[in-house]
PDB file of N, CA and C in Angstrom:
ATOM      1  N   MET A   1     126.422 196.585 -21.218  1.00  0.00           N
ATOM      2  CA  MET A   1     126.223 197.617 -20.218  1.00  0.00           C
ATOM      3  C   MET A   1     126.002 197.000 -18.840  1.00  0.00           C
ATOM      4  N   LYS A   2     125.311 195.834 -18.818  1.00  0.00           N
ATOM      5  CA  LYS A   2     125.025 195.176 -17.561  1.00  0.00           C
ATOM      6  C   LYS A   2     126.314 194.792 -16.835  1.00  0.00           C
ATOM      7  N   GLY A   3     127.280 194.232 -17.566  1.00  0.00           N
ATOM      8  CA  GLY A   3     128.557 193.832 -16.982  1.00  0.00           C
ATOM      9  C   GLY A   3     129.336 195.011 -16.433  1.00  0.00           C
ATOM     10  N   SER A   4     129.301 196.143 -17.150  1.00  0.00           N
ATOM     11  CA  SER A   4     130.046 197.304 -16.672  1.00  0.00           C
ATOM     12  C   SER A   4     129.418 197.869 -15.403  1.00  0.00           C
ATOM     13  N   GLY A   5     128.118 197.708 -15.234  1.00  0.00           N
ATOM     14  CA  GLY A   5     127.456 198.146 -14.008  1.00  0.00           C
ATOM     15  C   GLY A   5     127.910 197.321 -12.814  1.00  0.00           C
ATOM     16  N   ILE A   6     128.058 196.024 -13.030  1.00  0.00           N
ATOM     17  CA  ILE A   6     128.532 195.142 -11.958  1.00  0.00           C
ATOM     18  C   ILE A   6     129.963 195.506 -11.597  1.00  0.00           C
ATOM     19  N   ILE A   7     130.792 195.706 -12.602  1.00  0.00           N
ATOM     20  CA  ILE A   7     132.187 196.062 -12.344  1.00  0.00           C
ATOM     21  C   ILE A   7     132.258 197.388 -11.605  1.00  0.00           C
ATOM     22  N   SER A   8     131.449 198.354 -12.012  1.00  0.00           N
ATOM     23  CA  SER A   8     131.438 199.646 -11.321  1.00  0.00           C
ATOM     24  C   SER A   8     131.044 199.482  -9.864  1.00  0.00           C
ATOM     25  N   MET A   9     130.043 198.638  -9.607  1.00  0.00           N
ATOM     26  CA  MET A   9     129.604 198.395  -8.241  1.00  0.00           C
ATOM     27  C   MET A   9     130.728 197.753  -7.434  1.00  0.00           C
ATOM     28  N   LEU A  10     131.430 196.794  -8.024  1.00  0.00           N
ATOM     29  CA  LEU A  10     132.530 196.143  -7.321  1.00  0.00           C
ATOM     30  C   LEU A  10     133.654 197.124  -7.019  1.00  0.00           C
ATOM     31  N   VAL A  11     133.933 198.016  -7.943  1.00  0.00           N
ATOM     32  CA  VAL A  11     134.985 199.011  -7.721  1.00  0.00           C
ATOM     33  C   VAL A  11     134.608 199.931  -6.564  1.00  0.00           C
ATOM     34  N   VAL A  12     133.356 200.366  -6.524  1.00  0.00           N
ATOM     35  CA  VAL A  12     132.908 201.239  -5.435  1.00  0.00           C
ATOM     36  C   VAL A  12     133.039 200.525  -4.096  1.00  0.00           C
ATOM     37  N   VAL A  13     132.607 199.268  -4.053  1.00  0.00           N
ATOM     38  CA  VAL A  13     132.696 198.518  -2.808  1.00  0.00           C
ATOM     39  C   VAL A  13     134.165 198.331  -2.416  1.00  0.00           C
ATOM     40  N   ALA A  14     135.019 198.077  -3.400  1.00  0.00           N
ATOM     41  CA  ALA A  14     136.444 197.896  -3.111  1.00  0.00           C
ATOM     42  C   ALA A  14     137.045 199.153  -2.503  1.00  0.00           C
ATOM     43  N   MET A  15     136.559 200.302  -2.913  1.00  0.00           N
ATOM     44  CA  MET A  15     137.096 201.555  -2.407  1.00  0.00           C
ATOM     45  C   MET A  15     136.737 201.769  -0.936  1.00  0.00           C
ATOM     46  N   VAL A  16     135.668 201.144  -0.490  1.00  0.00           N
ATOM     47  CA  VAL A  16     135.242 201.314   0.899  1.00  0.00           C
ATOM     48  C   VAL A  16     136.212 200.638   1.864  1.00  0.00           C
ATOM     49  N   GLN A  17     136.848 199.537   1.429  1.00  0.00           N
ATOM     50  CA  GLN A  17     137.859 198.817   2.211  1.00  0.00           C
ATOM     51  C   GLN A  17     137.373 198.416   3.603  1.00  0.00           C
ATOM     52  N   PHE A  18     136.549 197.409   3.629  1.00  0.00           N
ATOM     53  CA  PHE A  18     136.130 196.842   4.907  1.00  0.00           C
ATOM     54  C   PHE A  18     137.280 196.058   5.506  1.00  0.00           C
ATOM     55  N   THR A  19     137.365 196.022   6.808  1.00  0.00           N
ATOM     56  CA  THR A  19     138.339 195.172   7.477  1.00  0.00           C
ATOM     57  C   THR A  19     137.628 194.339   8.531  1.00  0.00           C
ATOM     58  N   VAL A  20     138.126 193.123   8.727  1.00  0.00           N
ATOM     59  CA  VAL A  20     137.541 192.242   9.725  1.00  0.00           C
ATOM     60  C   VAL A  20     138.372 192.355  10.993  1.00  0.00           C
ATOM     61  N   LYS A  21     137.712 192.693  12.071  1.00  0.00           N
ATOM     62  CA  LYS A  21     138.376 192.787  13.367  1.00  0.00           C
ATOM     63  C   LYS A  21     138.132 191.481  14.112  1.00  0.00           C
ATOM     64  N   PRO A  22     139.018 191.108  15.017  1.00  0.00           N
ATOM     65  CA  PRO A  22     138.806 189.879  15.778  1.00  0.00           C
ATOM     66  C   PRO A  22     137.413 189.856  16.398  1.00  0.00           C
ATOM     67  N   GLY A  23     136.739 188.726  16.245  1.00  0.00           N
ATOM     68  CA  GLY A  23     135.413 188.576  16.828  1.00  0.00           C
ATOM     69  C   GLY A  23     134.288 189.032  15.918  1.00  0.00           C
ATOM     70  N   GLU A  24     134.609 189.639  14.785  1.00  0.00           N
ATOM     71  CA  GLU A  24     133.568 190.077  13.859  1.00  0.00           C
ATOM     72  C   GLU A  24     133.431 189.066  12.730  1.00  0.00           C
ATOM     73  N   ALA A  25     132.206 188.842  12.303  1.00  0.00           N
ATOM     74  CA  ALA A  25     131.958 187.921  11.207  1.00  0.00           C
ATOM     75  C   ALA A  25     132.331 188.578   9.882  1.00  0.00           C
ATOM     76  N   ILE A  26     132.735 187.743   8.942  1.00  0.00           N
ATOM     77  CA  ILE A  26     133.037 188.226   7.602  1.00  0.00           C
ATOM     78  C   ILE A  26     131.723 188.629   6.926  1.00  0.00           C
ATOM     79  N   THR A  27     131.757 189.651   6.107  1.00  0.00           N
ATOM     80  CA  THR A  27     130.553 190.117   5.414  1.00  0.00           C
ATOM     81  C   THR A  27     130.730 189.974   3.909  1.00  0.00           C
ATOM     82  N   CYS A  28     129.616 190.053   3.185  1.00  0.00           N
ATOM     83  CA  CYS A  28     129.705 190.020   1.725  1.00  0.00           C
ATOM     84  C   CYS A  28     130.467 191.241   1.211  1.00  0.00           C
ATOM     85  N   GLY A  29     130.379 192.352   1.906  1.00  0.00           N
ATOM     86  CA  GLY A  29     131.162 193.526   1.531  1.00  0.00           C
ATOM     87  C   GLY A  29     132.652 193.235   1.600  1.00  0.00           C
ATOM     88  N   ASP A  30     133.075 192.489   2.632  1.00  0.00           N
ATOM     89  CA  ASP A  30     134.476 192.089   2.758  1.00  0.00           C
ATOM     90  C   ASP A  30     134.891 191.235   1.559  1.00  0.00           C
ATOM     91  N   VAL A  31     134.065 190.254   1.261  1.00  0.00           N
ATOM     92  CA  VAL A  31     134.377 189.309   0.189  1.00  0.00           C
ATOM     93  C   VAL A  31     134.446 190.029  -1.162  1.00  0.00           C
ATOM     94  N   ILE A  32     133.468 190.859  -1.448  1.00  0.00           N
ATOM     95  CA  ILE A  32     133.451 191.598  -2.713  1.00  0.00           C
ATOM     96  C   ILE A  32     134.660 192.518  -2.804  1.00  0.00           C
ATOM     97  N   SER A  33     134.977 193.165  -1.713  1.00  0.00           N
ATOM     98  CA  SER A  33     136.142 194.041  -1.679  1.00  0.00           C
ATOM     99  C   SER A  33     137.420 193.245  -1.954  1.00  0.00           C
ATOM    100  N   ASP A  34     137.539 192.083  -1.308  1.00  0.00           N
ATOM    101  CA  ASP A  34     138.728 191.256  -1.481  1.00  0.00           C
ATOM    102  C   ASP A  34     138.891 190.783  -2.922  1.00  0.00           C
ATOM    103  N   LEU A  35     137.798 190.472  -3.580  1.00  0.00           N
ATOM    104  CA  LEU A  35     137.873 189.857  -4.909  1.00  0.00           C
ATOM    105  C   LEU A  35     137.573 190.804  -6.072  1.00  0.00           C
ATOM    106  N   ALA A  36     137.353 192.070  -5.798  1.00  0.00           N
ATOM    107  CA  ALA A  36     137.010 193.024  -6.867  1.00  0.00           C
ATOM    108  C   ALA A  36     138.068 193.078  -7.963  1.00  0.00           C
ATOM    109  N   ALA A  37     139.324 192.957  -7.598  1.00  0.00           N
ATOM    110  CA  ALA A  37     140.408 193.033  -8.585  1.00  0.00           C
ATOM    111  C   ALA A  37     140.469 191.789  -9.475  1.00  0.00           C
ATOM    112  N   CYS A  38     139.658 190.787  -9.170  1.00  0.00           N
ATOM    113  CA  CYS A  38     139.672 189.536  -9.934  1.00  0.00           C
ATOM    114  C   CYS A  38     138.673 189.503 -11.080  1.00  0.00           C
ATOM    115  N   VAL A  39     137.761 190.453 -11.139  1.00  0.00           N
ATOM    116  CA  VAL A  39     136.671 190.394 -12.116  1.00  0.00           C
ATOM    117  C   VAL A  39     137.189 190.306 -13.549  1.00  0.00           C
ATOM    118  N   SER A  40     138.188 191.095 -13.906  1.00  0.00           N
ATOM    119  CA  SER A  40     138.672 191.059 -15.289  1.00  0.00           C
ATOM    120  C   SER A  40     139.290 189.698 -15.624  1.00  0.00           C
ATOM    121  N   TYR A  41     139.979 189.090 -14.678  1.00  0.00           N
ATOM    122  CA  TYR A  41     140.527 187.738 -14.904  1.00  0.00           C
ATOM    123  C   TYR A  41     139.386 186.724 -15.005  1.00  0.00           C
ATOM    124  N   LEU A  42     138.412 186.807 -14.116  1.00  0.00           N
ATOM    125  CA  LEU A  42     137.315 185.839 -14.083  1.00  0.00           C
ATOM    126  C   LEU A  42     136.418 185.901 -15.315  1.00  0.00           C
ATOM    127  N   THR A  43     136.450 187.024 -16.011  1.00  0.00           N
ATOM    128  CA  THR A  43     135.644 187.164 -17.227  1.00  0.00           C
ATOM    129  C   THR A  43     136.488 186.983 -18.495  1.00  0.00           C
ATOM    130  N   GLY A  44     137.738 186.610 -18.330  1.00  0.00           N
ATOM    131  CA  GLY A  44     138.599 186.335 -19.474  1.00  0.00           C
ATOM    132  C   GLY A  44     139.196 187.555 -20.129  1.00  0.00           C
ATOM    133  N   LYS A  45     139.123 188.704 -19.465  1.00  0.00           N
ATOM    134  CA  LYS A  45     139.613 189.949 -20.052  1.00  0.00           C
ATOM    135  C   LYS A  45     141.028 190.306 -19.589  1.00  0.00           C
ATOM    136  N   ASP A  46     141.628 189.454 -18.749  1.00  0.00           N
ATOM    137  CA  ASP A  46     142.920 189.806 -18.171  1.00  0.00           C
ATOM    138  C   ASP A  46     143.952 188.699 -18.352  1.00  0.00           C
ATOM    139  N   GLY A  47     143.856 187.941 -19.435  1.00  0.00           N
ATOM    140  CA  GLY A  47     144.848 186.915 -19.718  1.00  0.00           C
ATOM    141  C   GLY A  47     144.657 185.634 -18.927  1.00  0.00           C
ATOM    142  N   ASP A  48     145.724 184.839 -18.919  1.00  0.00           N
ATOM    143  CA  ASP A  48     145.671 183.514 -18.312  1.00  0.00           C
ATOM    144  C   ASP A  48     146.004 183.488 -16.825  1.00  0.00           C
ATOM    145  N   PHE A  49     146.466 184.617 -16.288  1.00  0.00           N
ATOM    146  CA  PHE A  49     146.842 184.653 -14.880  1.00  0.00           C
ATOM    147  C   PHE A  49     146.207 185.853 -14.193  1.00  0.00           C
ATOM    148  N   PRO A  50     145.736 185.652 -12.968  1.00  0.00           N
ATOM    149  CA  PRO A  50     145.135 186.774 -12.229  1.00  0.00           C
ATOM    150  C   PRO A  50     146.189 187.828 -11.897  1.00  0.00           C
ATOM    151  N   PRO A  51     145.804 189.098 -11.888  1.00  0.00           N
ATOM    152  CA  PRO A  51     146.765 190.152 -11.544  1.00  0.00           C
ATOM    153  C   PRO A  51     147.128 190.095 -10.059  1.00  0.00           C
ATOM    154  N   PRO A  52     148.299 190.621  -9.688  1.00  0.00           N
ATOM    155  CA  PRO A  52     148.731 190.589  -8.283  1.00  0.00           C
ATOM    156  C   PRO A  52     147.700 191.139  -7.286  1.00  0.00           C
ATOM    157  N   PRO A  53     146.989 192.247  -7.584  1.00  0.00           N
ATOM    158  CA  PRO A  53     145.987 192.712  -6.599  1.00  0.00           C
ATOM    159  C   PRO A  53     144.865 191.693  -6.372  1.00  0.00           C
ATOM    160  N   CYS A  54     144.548 190.925  -7.395  1.00  0.00           N
ATOM    161  CA  CYS A  54     143.540 189.867  -7.259  1.00  0.00           C
ATOM    162  C   CYS A  54     144.046 188.805  -6.297  1.00  0.00           C
ATOM    163  N   CYS A  55     145.271 188.348  -6.494  1.00  0.00           N
ATOM    164  CA  CYS A  55     145.834 187.311  -5.618  1.00  0.00           C
ATOM    165  C   CYS A  55     145.981 187.822  -4.187  1.00  0.00           C
ATOM    166  N   ALA A  56     146.291 189.096  -4.024  1.00  0.00           N
ATOM    167  CA  ALA A  56     146.350 189.678  -2.680  1.00  0.00           C
ATOM    168  C   ALA A  56     144.968 189.598  -2.034  1.00  0.00           C
ATOM    169  N   GLY A  57     143.916 189.830  -2.817  1.00  0.00           N
ATOM    170  CA  GLY A  57     142.549 189.735  -2.303  1.00  0.00           C
ATOM    171  C   GLY A  57     142.172 188.315  -1.932  1.00  0.00           C
ATOM    172  N   VAL A  58     142.607 187.338  -2.739  1.00  0.00           N
ATOM    173  CA  VAL A  58     142.339 185.932  -2.424  1.00  0.00           C
ATOM    174  C   VAL A  58     143.040 185.564  -1.117  1.00  0.00           C
ATOM    175  N   SER A  59     144.268 186.031  -0.936  1.00  0.00           N
ATOM    176  CA  SER A  59     145.005 185.773   0.307  1.00  0.00           C
ATOM    177  C   SER A  59     144.300 186.413   1.496  1.00  0.00           C
ATOM    178  N   LYS A  60     143.805 187.634   1.306  1.00  0.00           N
ATOM    179  CA  LYS A  60     143.099 188.327   2.383  1.00  0.00           C
ATOM    180  C   LYS A  60     141.799 187.596   2.730  1.00  0.00           C
ATOM    181  N   LEU A  61     141.098 187.109   1.708  1.00  0.00           N
ATOM    182  CA  LEU A  61     139.874 186.347   1.937  1.00  0.00           C
ATOM    183  C   LEU A  61     140.182 185.101   2.768  1.00  0.00           C
ATOM    184  N   LYS A  62     141.228 184.386   2.413  1.00  0.00           N
ATOM    185  CA  LYS A  62     141.613 183.191   3.178  1.00  0.00           C
ATOM    186  C   LYS A  62     141.914 183.545   4.629  1.00  0.00           C
ATOM    187  N   ALA A  63     142.661 184.630   4.832  1.00  0.00           N
ATOM    188  CA  ALA A  63     143.025 185.043   6.191  1.00  0.00           C
ATOM    189  C   ALA A  63     141.807 185.499   6.994  1.00  0.00           C
ATOM    190  N   SER A  64     140.813 186.056   6.326  1.00  0.00           N
ATOM    191  CA  SER A  64     139.616 186.574   7.006  1.00  0.00           C
ATOM    192  C   SER A  64     138.619 185.476   7.357  1.00  0.00           C
ATOM    193  N   ALA A  65     138.555 184.449   6.525  1.00  0.00           N
ATOM    194  CA  ALA A  65     137.584 183.365   6.728  1.00  0.00           C
ATOM    195  C   ALA A  65     138.241 182.249   7.523  1.00  0.00           C
ATOM    196  N   VAL A  66     138.246 182.401   8.843  1.00  0.00           N
ATOM    197  CA  VAL A  66     138.957 181.459   9.710  1.00  0.00           C
ATOM    198  C   VAL A  66     138.015 180.387  10.261  1.00  0.00           C
ATOM    199  N   SER A  67     136.909 180.797  10.842  1.00  0.00           N
ATOM    200  CA  SER A  67     135.986 179.829  11.441  1.00  0.00           C
ATOM    201  C   SER A  67     135.146 179.156  10.357  1.00  0.00           C
ATOM    202  N   ILE A  68     134.519 178.054  10.718  1.00  0.00           N
ATOM    203  CA  ILE A  68     133.619 177.365   9.788  1.00  0.00           C
ATOM    204  C   ILE A  68     132.491 178.311   9.365  1.00  0.00           C
ATOM    205  N   ALA A  69     131.946 179.066  10.312  1.00  0.00           N
ATOM    206  CA  ALA A  69     130.866 180.007  10.000  1.00  0.00           C
ATOM    207  C   ALA A  69     131.347 181.066   9.006  1.00  0.00           C
ATOM    208  N   ASP A  70     132.572 181.581   9.206  1.00  0.00           N
ATOM    209  CA  ASP A  70     133.126 182.567   8.279  1.00  0.00           C
ATOM    210  C   ASP A  70     133.322 181.968   6.888  1.00  0.00           C
ATOM    211  N   LYS A  71     133.824 180.739   6.843  1.00  0.00           N
ATOM    212  CA  LYS A  71     134.053 180.082   5.555  1.00  0.00           C
ATOM    213  C   LYS A  71     132.741 179.871   4.812  1.00  0.00           C
ATOM    214  N   LYS A  72     131.708 179.445   5.538  1.00  0.00           N
ATOM    215  CA  LYS A  72     130.398 179.247   4.909  1.00  0.00           C
ATOM    216  C   LYS A  72     129.828 180.580   4.430  1.00  0.00           C
ATOM    217  N   ALA A  73     129.963 181.616   5.255  1.00  0.00           N
ATOM    218  CA  ALA A  73     129.460 182.943   4.868  1.00  0.00           C
ATOM    219  C   ALA A  73     130.214 183.460   3.647  1.00  0.00           C
ATOM    220  N   ALA A  74     131.537 183.321   3.644  1.00  0.00           N
ATOM    221  CA  ALA A  74     132.336 183.770   2.497  1.00  0.00           C
ATOM    222  C   ALA A  74     131.968 182.981   1.252  1.00  0.00           C
ATOM    223  N   CYS A  75     131.772 181.690   1.403  1.00  0.00           N
ATOM    224  CA  CYS A  75     131.375 180.838   0.282  1.00  0.00           C
ATOM    225  C   CYS A  75     130.051 181.308  -0.316  1.00  0.00           C
ATOM    226  N   GLU A  76     129.060 181.567   0.535  1.00  0.00           N
ATOM    227  CA  GLU A  76     127.751 182.040   0.050  1.00  0.00           C
ATOM    228  C   GLU A  76     127.885 183.385  -0.667  1.00  0.00           C
ATOM    229  N   CYS A  77     128.738 184.260  -0.146  1.00  0.00           N
ATOM    230  CA  CYS A  77     128.947 185.569  -0.783  1.00  0.00           C
ATOM    231  C   CYS A  77     129.625 185.418  -2.134  1.00  0.00           C
ATOM    232  N   VAL A  78     130.637 184.555  -2.201  1.00  0.00           N
ATOM    233  CA  VAL A  78     131.334 184.303  -3.470  1.00  0.00           C
ATOM    234  C   VAL A  78     130.351 183.733  -4.482  1.00  0.00           C
ATOM    235  N   LYS A  79     129.559 182.787  -4.043  1.00  0.00           N
ATOM    236  CA  LYS A  79     128.578 182.141  -4.917  1.00  0.00           C
ATOM    237  C   LYS A  79     127.567 183.162  -5.462  1.00  0.00           C
ATOM    238  N   ALA A  80     127.060 184.022  -4.594  1.00  0.00           N
ATOM    239  CA  ALA A  80     126.091 185.048  -5.011  1.00  0.00           C
ATOM    240  C   ALA A  80     126.740 186.063  -5.953  1.00  0.00           C
ATOM    241  N   ALA A  81     127.959 186.497  -5.633  1.00  0.00           N
ATOM    242  CA  ALA A  81     128.648 187.471  -6.486  1.00  0.00           C
ATOM    243  C   ALA A  81     128.960 186.854  -7.841  1.00  0.00           C
ATOM    244  N   ALA A  82     129.400 185.609  -7.857  1.00  0.00           N
ATOM    245  CA  ALA A  82     129.715 184.929  -9.115  1.00  0.00           C
ATOM    246  C   ALA A  82     128.472 184.803  -9.993  1.00  0.00           C
ATOM    247  N   ALA A  83     127.344 184.541  -9.379  1.00  0.00           N
ATOM    248  CA  ALA A  83     126.096 184.395 -10.135  1.00  0.00           C
ATOM    249  C   ALA A  83     125.673 185.705 -10.810  1.00  0.00           C
ATOM    250  N   ARG A  84     126.145 186.838 -10.279  1.00  0.00           N
ATOM    251  CA  ARG A  84     125.788 188.142 -10.849  1.00  0.00           C
ATOM    252  C   ARG A  84     126.730 188.576 -11.974  1.00  0.00           C
ATOM    253  N   ILE A  85     127.738 187.786 -12.262  1.00  0.00           N
ATOM    254  CA  ILE A  85     128.670 188.124 -13.340  1.00  0.00           C
ATOM    255  C   ILE A  85     128.336 187.215 -14.519  1.00  0.00           C
ATOM    256  N   PRO A  86     127.578 187.726 -15.499  1.00  0.00           N
ATOM    257  CA  PRO A  86     127.057 186.875 -16.560  1.00  0.00           C
ATOM    258  C   PRO A  86     128.139 186.217 -17.422  1.00  0.00           C
ATOM    259  N   ASP A  87     129.261 186.854 -17.617  1.00  0.00           N
ATOM    260  CA  ASP A  87     130.291 186.288 -18.484  1.00  0.00           C
ATOM    261  C   ASP A  87     131.439 185.661 -17.693  1.00  0.00           C
ATOM    262  N   LEU A  88     131.162 185.249 -16.442  1.00  0.00           N
ATOM    263  CA  LEU A  88     132.160 184.580 -15.613  1.00  0.00           C
ATOM    264  C   LEU A  88     132.566 183.265 -16.277  1.00  0.00           C
ATOM    265  N   LYS A  89     133.850 183.034 -16.349  1.00  0.00           N
ATOM    266  CA  LYS A  89     134.388 181.791 -16.914  1.00  0.00           C
ATOM    267  C   LYS A  89     134.585 180.805 -15.757  1.00  0.00           C
ATOM    268  N   ASP A  90     133.824 179.707 -15.790  1.00  0.00           N
ATOM    269  CA  ASP A  90     133.869 178.732 -14.697  1.00  0.00           C
ATOM    270  C   ASP A  90     135.279 178.194 -14.464  1.00  0.00           C
ATOM    271  N   GLU A  91     136.013 177.947 -15.531  1.00  0.00           N
ATOM    272  CA  GLU A  91     137.369 177.420 -15.389  1.00  0.00           C
ATOM    273  C   GLU A  91     138.291 178.433 -14.705  1.00  0.00           C
ATOM    274  N   ALA A  92     138.152 179.703 -15.073  1.00  0.00           N
ATOM    275  CA  ALA A  92     138.960 180.748 -14.430  1.00  0.00           C
ATOM    276  C   ALA A  92     138.611 180.830 -12.941  1.00  0.00           C
ATOM    277  N   ALA A  93     137.325 180.734 -12.627  1.00  0.00           N
ATOM    278  CA  ALA A  93     136.892 180.808 -11.227  1.00  0.00           C
ATOM    279  C   ALA A  93     137.441 179.636 -10.421  1.00  0.00           C
ATOM    280  N   SER A  94     137.300 178.440 -10.949  1.00  0.00           N
ATOM    281  CA  SER A  94     137.748 177.266 -10.194  1.00  0.00           C
ATOM    282  C   SER A  94     139.268 177.208 -10.044  1.00  0.00           C
ATOM    283  N   SER A  95     139.999 177.781 -10.994  1.00  0.00           N
ATOM    284  CA  SER A  95     141.462 177.741 -10.924  1.00  0.00           C
ATOM    285  C   SER A  95     142.073 178.938 -10.188  1.00  0.00           C
ATOM    286  N   LEU A  96     141.246 179.914  -9.824  1.00  0.00           N
ATOM    287  CA  LEU A  96     141.763 181.139  -9.204  1.00  0.00           C
ATOM    288  C   LEU A  96     142.644 180.890  -7.972  1.00  0.00           C
ATOM    289  N   PRO A  97     142.185 180.143  -6.962  1.00  0.00           N
ATOM    290  CA  PRO A  97     143.054 179.948  -5.796  1.00  0.00           C
ATOM    291  C   PRO A  97     144.400 179.305  -6.155  1.00  0.00           C
ATOM    292  N   ALA A  98     144.379 178.278  -6.992  1.00  0.00           N
ATOM    293  CA  ALA A  98     145.627 177.600  -7.373  1.00  0.00           C
ATOM    294  C   ALA A  98     146.554 178.543  -8.136  1.00  0.00           C
ATOM    295  N   LYS A  99     145.996 179.342  -9.039  1.00  0.00           N
ATOM    296  CA  LYS A  99     146.835 180.273  -9.805  1.00  0.00           C
ATOM    297  C   LYS A  99     147.418 181.360  -8.906  1.00  0.00           C
ATOM    298  N   CYS A 100     146.735 181.649  -7.816  1.00  0.00           N
ATOM    299  CA  CYS A 100     147.258 182.621  -6.850  1.00  0.00           C
ATOM    300  C   CYS A 100     148.122 181.950  -5.781  1.00  0.00           C
ATOM    301  N   LYS A 101     148.254 180.615  -5.876  1.00  0.00           N
ATOM    302  CA  LYS A 101     149.030 179.839  -4.900  1.00  0.00           C
ATOM    303  C   LYS A 101     148.506 180.032  -3.474  1.00  0.00           C
ATOM    304  N   VAL A 102     147.172 180.030  -3.368  1.00  0.00           N
ATOM    305  CA  VAL A 102     146.496 180.164  -2.075  1.00  0.00           C
ATOM    306  C   VAL A 102     145.501 179.014  -1.963  1.00  0.00           C
ATOM    307  N   GLN A 103     145.570 178.275  -0.877  1.00  0.00           N
ATOM    308  CA  GLN A 103     144.623 177.190  -0.669  1.00  0.00           C
ATOM    309  C   GLN A 103     143.419 177.730   0.098  1.00  0.00           C
ATOM    310  N   VAL A 104     142.311 177.864  -0.598  1.00  0.00           N
ATOM    311  CA  VAL A 104     141.062 178.330   0.002  1.00  0.00           C
ATOM    312  C   VAL A 104     140.233 177.080   0.314  1.00  0.00           C
ATOM    313  N   ASP A 105     139.495 177.107   1.408  1.00  0.00           N
ATOM    314  CA  ASP A 105     138.774 175.919   1.866  1.00  0.00           C
ATOM    315  C   ASP A 105     137.448 175.675   1.159  1.00  0.00           C
ATOM    316  N   PHE A 106     137.185 176.408   0.100  1.00  0.00           N
ATOM    317  CA  PHE A 106     135.990 176.187  -0.710  1.00  0.00           C
ATOM    318  C   PHE A 106     136.293 176.678  -2.121  1.00  0.00           C
ATOM    319  N   PRO A 107     135.643 176.100  -3.124  1.00  0.00           N
ATOM    320  CA  PRO A 107     135.911 176.534  -4.492  1.00  0.00           C
ATOM    321  C   PRO A 107     135.242 177.878  -4.809  1.00  0.00           C
ATOM    322  N   ILE A 108     135.836 178.601  -5.732  1.00  0.00           N
ATOM    323  CA  ILE A 108     135.210 179.806  -6.259  1.00  0.00           C
ATOM    324  C   ILE A 108     134.272 179.299  -7.355  1.00  0.00           C
ATOM    325  N   SER A 109     132.982 179.323  -7.075  1.00  0.00           N
ATOM    326  CA  SER A 109     132.019 178.669  -7.961  1.00  0.00           C
ATOM    327  C   SER A 109     130.619 179.245  -7.771  1.00  0.00           C
ATOM    328  N   LYS A 110     129.824 179.163  -8.841  1.00  0.00           N
ATOM    329  CA  LYS A 110     128.422 179.569  -8.761  1.00  0.00           C
ATOM    330  C   LYS A 110     127.554 178.441  -8.203  1.00  0.00           C
ATOM    331  N   THR A 111     128.072 177.217  -8.193  1.00  0.00           N
ATOM    332  CA  THR A 111     127.223 176.075  -7.907  1.00  0.00           C
ATOM    333  C   THR A 111     127.593 175.252  -6.675  1.00  0.00           C
ATOM    334  N   PHE A 112     128.720 175.538  -6.025  1.00  0.00           N
ATOM    335  CA  PHE A 112     129.144 174.744  -4.878  1.00  0.00           C
ATOM    336  C   PHE A 112     128.141 174.848  -3.740  1.00  0.00           C
ATOM    337  N   ASN A 113     127.867 173.738  -3.071  1.00  0.00           N
ATOM    338  CA  ASN A 113     126.984 173.716  -1.918  1.00  0.00           C
ATOM    339  C   ASN A 113     127.794 174.099  -0.680  1.00  0.00           C
ATOM    340  N   CYS A 114     127.658 175.332  -0.236  1.00  0.00           N
ATOM    341  CA  CYS A 114     128.451 175.849   0.880  1.00  0.00           C
ATOM    342  C   CYS A 114     128.167 175.124   2.196  1.00  0.00           C
ATOM    343  N   ALA A 115     127.060 174.432   2.277  1.00  0.00           N
ATOM    344  CA  ALA A 115     126.746 173.653   3.486  1.00  0.00           C
ATOM    345  C   ALA A 115     127.709 172.481   3.636  1.00  0.00           C
ATOM    346  N   ASP A 116     128.433 172.132   2.574  1.00  0.00           N
ATOM    347  CA  ASP A 116     129.389 171.025   2.630  1.00  0.00           C
ATOM    348  C   ASP A 116     130.704 171.398   3.301  1.00  0.00           C
ATOM    349  N   ILE A 117     130.872 172.649   3.677  1.00  0.00           N
ATOM    350  CA  ILE A 117     132.114 173.083   4.335  1.00  0.00           C
ATOM    351  C   ILE A 117     132.074 172.616   5.788  1.00  0.00           C
ATOM    352  N   HIS A 118     133.141 171.977   6.204  1.00  0.00           N
ATOM    353  CA  HIS A 118     133.217 171.468   7.589  1.00  0.00           C
ATOM    354  C   HIS A 118     134.390 172.060   8.300  1.00  0.00           C
TER     355      HIS A 118
END
């Protein structure tokens, strides 16, 4: 039941559709919205490859996190969101950008030190 509550929360946030305007910092709402479609893949419920909406979200996250500050903020949000998904598969998380053919400047991980982003 706990996992379905998290998924429901992510779906609601995804429906809000935040957008980043020039000069605005990225928010955790942006990050959660971008990656909401990835939850089933990250928990092993969606096969070996992320669905297209997930990869579109990863691409949007990359495009939104331009400055070092944005990248660090997005990293912290990803890390916090990942920590709230109890059945997250670490291998699926770490391979997500590569499987989506998107080079993200930080790993999708519960444990990465976001202060290491330069």
